[in-house]
Structures are given as C-alpha cells and as structure tokens.
C-alpha cells in the first residue's frame, strides 16, 4: 500500500541531517577556530542532547517501536538545550557582532522552528510505539525506510543491542542531570 506522506517523511530526514548534523558541525568547527567559547560550550551541550537522534536512527534500524518515543523526545529536547542556559545566552548576546554570531543565532532559531514543527508532525505517530499491530502497518513502517537505507549504504550490522545500551546510558545521564545537577547549578552551564 502506498503511503501518501512518504515524500514528507524523506524530506523530514533530509532537513534533520541539514539542521541537526551538517550545520551544527560546521558551526562547532568555526567556533573552535574563532575561539568563541560560549558558542563552543552551547554546541557541545547541543551534541550531547542531539545524540538521542543517532540513538533513534539505530533503534529504527532495528525496528524497535521505542524509536518513535525517542525521536519525539529528541525533537523536544533539542530546542530546550539551545535556549535553556541563561549564562551562555548572555555571553553569546554580548559578544561582538560578527558572521559567526549571526549565522549561529540564525541556525539556532531555524533549528528550533524545525524541531517544533517536526515534533508536531511526528506526534501522531507515537501510536506506532504503543501497539504491536500498528508498528506493522505501512503508516508506521515508512519511518524505517530512511534508517534502513542508511544501514544499507554504510553496511551496518543490526545495532539494536548497542542502541538499547546507548539509550539506557542516555536516560541515566539525563535523569542524573535533571534530578541532581539541575538543582545545584540551575540554568547556568558553568559548574559552581
């Protein structure tokens, strides 16, 4: 059965690669070259949070239903990670104007808008994670096509076990951060 929204799913994956991998990687390298420490720190935090997207891809390669939950969580957590830190926001705001600052802030807004819109579009598919019968439908399986192509291109093995292990570590670290560190350091990215 042909799924009418297949082109939109593929477009979403390509936009995700652009906004969540390519541009932030270029910005991170540029920030290191320019020695823009606040942007470097915010991008390092971003990469820690965005690693949930890679975990999601490997969960989708293994066709685990939980990948629909982790994908949605990544889309929610990424904008939070980009704007949460008061001290880094202030440092970036008060940096001298330049092309790095302009492009970084433009990307930050674009990535935020992309993640919010993508999360809204992805939310109806959360049912794919909650039902064994739903996961077998073309409606849900269409989301596995791009990760499976990624697996084929890079000749990856089934990394389901590694993805589950990575997810457990990610959840443990996120829980530690939310339950312990956040109370101590608040919205400051610098250690106290």
Protein backbone atom coordinates (compact mmCIF):
# COMPACT_ATOMS: atom_id res chain seq x y z
CA UNK A 1 0.00 0.00 0.00
CA UNK A 2 1.38 3.42 -0.97
CA UNK A 3 1.66 5.95 1.84
CA UNK A 4 0.73 9.44 0.65
CA UNK A 5 3.09 11.22 3.06
CA UNK A 6 6.25 9.23 2.15
CA UNK A 7 7.88 12.24 0.39
CA UNK A 8 7.32 14.34 3.51
CA UNK A 9 8.99 11.71 5.70
CA UNK A 10 12.02 11.66 3.41
CA UNK A 11 12.09 15.47 3.36
CA UNK A 12 11.98 15.49 7.16
CA UNK A 13 15.01 13.18 7.32
CA UNK A 14 16.96 15.38 4.88
CA UNK A 15 16.07 18.51 6.85
CA UNK A 16 17.11 16.73 10.05
CA UNK A 17 20.52 15.94 8.55
CA UNK A 18 20.93 19.56 7.49
CA UNK A 19 19.71 21.26 10.69
CA UNK A 20 20.87 18.76 13.31
CA UNK A 21 24.14 17.42 11.85
CA UNK A 22 25.73 19.38 9.00
CA UNK A 23 25.18 22.98 10.10
CA UNK A 24 25.97 22.46 13.81
CA UNK A 25 29.13 20.52 12.88
CA UNK A 26 30.32 23.38 10.66
CA UNK A 27 29.44 25.87 13.40
CA UNK A 28 31.35 23.87 16.03
CA UNK A 29 34.49 23.80 13.89
CA UNK A 30 34.10 27.51 13.14
CA UNK A 31 33.60 28.31 16.85
CA UNK A 32 36.81 26.44 17.72
CA UNK A 33 38.74 28.29 15.01
CA UNK A 34 37.32 31.66 16.19
CA UNK A 35 37.80 30.69 19.88
CA UNK A 36 34.17 31.61 20.62
CA UNK A 37 33.93 29.78 23.94
CA UNK A 38 30.24 30.41 24.69
CA UNK A 39 29.20 29.10 21.28
CA UNK A 40 31.56 26.13 21.70
CA UNK A 41 30.03 25.26 25.08
CA UNK A 42 26.47 25.59 23.82
CA UNK A 43 27.25 23.42 20.79
CA UNK A 44 28.89 20.77 22.98
CA UNK A 45 25.74 20.68 25.12
CA UNK A 46 23.71 20.52 21.91
CA UNK A 47 25.70 17.49 20.64
CA UNK A 48 25.17 15.65 23.93
CA UNK A 49 21.43 16.19 23.68
CA UNK A 50 21.23 15.57 19.92
CA UNK A 51 22.97 12.22 20.31
CA UNK A 52 19.47 10.93 21.05
CA UNK A 53 18.75 11.36 17.32
CA UNK A 54 21.57 8.95 16.45
CA UNK A 55 20.29 6.51 19.05
CA UNK A 56 16.85 6.85 17.45
CA UNK A 57 18.25 6.05 13.99
CA UNK A 58 19.85 2.85 15.32
CA UNK A 59 16.66 1.92 17.14
CA UNK A 60 14.77 2.42 13.86
CA UNK A 61 17.28 0.27 12.00
CA UNK A 62 16.40 -2.47 14.50
CA UNK A 63 12.69 -1.57 14.03
CA UNK A 64 12.14 -1.07 17.75
CA UNK A 65 8.86 0.71 18.50
CA UNK A 66 10.52 2.77 21.25
CA UNK A 67 12.28 4.70 18.46
CA UNK A 68 9.09 6.71 17.95
CA UNK A 69 9.26 7.90 21.56
CA UNK A 70 12.99 8.67 21.46
CA UNK A 71 12.58 10.53 18.17
CA UNK A 72 9.87 12.74 19.61
CA UNK A 73 11.86 13.30 22.80
CA UNK A 74 14.92 14.37 20.79
CA UNK A 75 12.83 16.90 18.88
CA UNK A 76 11.58 18.32 22.18
CA UNK A 77 14.94 18.32 24.00
CA UNK A 78 16.99 19.94 21.22
CA UNK A 79 15.28 23.36 21.32
CA UNK A 80 15.39 23.28 25.12
CA UNK A 81 19.15 22.64 25.01
CA UNK A 82 19.65 25.56 22.63
CA UNK A 83 17.90 28.16 24.80
CA UNK A 84 17.94 26.87 28.39
CA UNK A 85 21.30 28.24 29.58
CA UNK A 86 20.98 31.82 30.85
CA UNK A 87 24.73 32.40 31.19
CA UNK A 88 25.56 31.14 27.70
CA UNK A 89 22.68 33.11 26.17
CA UNK A 90 24.01 36.26 27.84
CA UNK A 91 27.60 35.59 26.74
CA UNK A 92 26.50 34.99 23.16
CA UNK A 93 24.25 38.06 23.19
CA UNK A 94 27.03 40.34 24.40
CA UNK A 95 29.70 39.00 22.06
CA UNK A 96 30.80 41.45 19.38
CA UNK A 97 28.74 41.15 16.23
CA UNK A 98 30.23 39.03 13.51
CA UNK A 99 29.34 36.47 10.91
CA UNK A 100 29.76 33.52 13.31
CA UNK A 101 27.36 35.05 15.84
CA UNK A 102 24.84 35.94 13.11
CA UNK A 103 24.93 32.50 11.47
CA UNK A 104 24.91 30.71 14.83
CA UNK A 105 21.85 32.63 16.04
CA UNK A 106 20.14 32.13 12.67
CA UNK A 107 20.79 28.39 12.88
CA UNK A 108 19.58 28.30 16.49
CA UNK A 109 16.26 29.87 15.50
CA UNK A 110 15.93 27.73 12.35
CA UNK A 111 16.73 24.51 14.27
CA UNK A 112 14.21 25.46 16.95
CA UNK A 113 11.46 26.10 14.41
CA UNK A 114 12.36 22.91 12.52
CA UNK A 115 12.27 20.78 15.71
CA UNK A 116 8.96 22.24 16.89
CA UNK A 117 7.27 21.74 13.51
CA UNK A 118 8.78 18.28 13.12
CA UNK A 119 7.66 17.29 16.63
CA UNK A 120 4.12 18.44 15.85
CA UNK A 121 4.14 16.44 12.61
CA UNK A 122 5.72 13.39 14.29
CA UNK A 123 3.44 13.34 17.37
CA UNK A 124 0.55 11.47 15.64
CA UNK A 125 2.95 8.57 15.01
CA UNK A 126 3.57 7.98 18.72
CA UNK A 127 0.88 5.30 18.45
CA UNK A 128 3.40 3.27 16.46
CA UNK A 129 5.32 2.78 19.70
CA UNK A 130 2.29 1.71 21.68
CA UNK A 131 0.84 -1.07 19.53
CA UNK A 132 2.38 -4.17 18.02
CA UNK A 133 -0.22 -4.19 15.27
CA UNK A 134 0.35 -0.51 14.43
CA UNK A 135 4.12 -0.94 14.02
CA UNK A 136 3.49 -3.42 11.19
CA UNK A 137 1.34 -1.01 9.17
CA UNK A 138 2.72 1.00 6.22
CA UNK A 139 1.72 4.11 8.19
CA UNK A 140 4.48 3.32 10.73
CA UNK A 141 6.93 1.37 8.58
CA UNK A 142 7.51 4.36 6.29
CA UNK A 143 9.61 5.91 9.09
CA UNK A 144 12.01 2.94 8.97
CA UNK A 145 12.82 3.34 5.25
CA UNK A 146 15.45 6.06 5.55
CA UNK A 147 17.32 4.49 8.51
CA UNK A 148 17.32 1.15 6.67
CA UNK A 149 18.77 2.86 3.59
CA UNK A 150 21.40 4.43 5.85
CA UNK A 151 22.18 0.93 7.14
CA UNK A 152 22.46 -0.39 3.59
CA UNK A 153 24.74 2.41 2.38
CA UNK A 154 27.14 2.12 5.30
CA UNK A 155 26.89 -1.70 5.56
CA UNK A 156 25.99 -1.52 9.22
CA UNK A 157 25.14 -4.58 11.22
CA UNK A 158 21.98 -4.72 13.27
CA UNK A 159 22.91 -2.40 16.09
CA UNK A 160 19.76 -2.84 18.14
CA UNK A 161 21.57 -4.03 21.26
CA UNK A 162 24.06 -1.16 21.11
CA UNK A 163 21.19 1.30 20.57
CA UNK A 164 19.33 -0.01 23.62
CA UNK A 165 22.53 0.17 25.69
CA UNK A 166 23.16 3.73 24.48
CA UNK A 167 19.58 4.65 25.32
CA UNK A 168 19.94 3.28 28.85
CA UNK A 169 23.13 5.34 29.33
CA UNK A 170 21.44 8.43 27.85
CA UNK A 171 18.41 8.09 30.13
CA UNK A 172 20.66 7.50 33.17
CA UNK A 173 22.70 10.63 32.40
CA UNK A 174 19.58 12.71 31.67
CA UNK A 175 17.99 11.51 34.92
CA UNK A 176 21.15 12.38 36.87
CA UNK A 177 21.20 15.82 35.26
CA UNK A 178 17.51 16.56 35.91
CA UNK A 179 17.33 15.09 39.42
CA UNK A 180 20.72 16.14 40.83
CA UNK A 181 22.77 18.62 38.78
CA UNK A 182 19.93 20.87 37.67
CA UNK A 183 19.01 21.59 41.29
CA UNK A 184 22.61 22.54 42.09
CA UNK A 185 23.51 24.60 39.04
CA UNK A 186 20.14 25.85 37.83
CA UNK A 187 20.13 27.36 34.36
CA UNK A 188 23.86 28.05 34.40
CA UNK A 189 26.01 25.91 32.12
CA UNK A 190 29.16 26.65 34.10
CA UNK A 191 29.99 24.48 37.08
CA UNK A 192 29.55 26.01 40.52
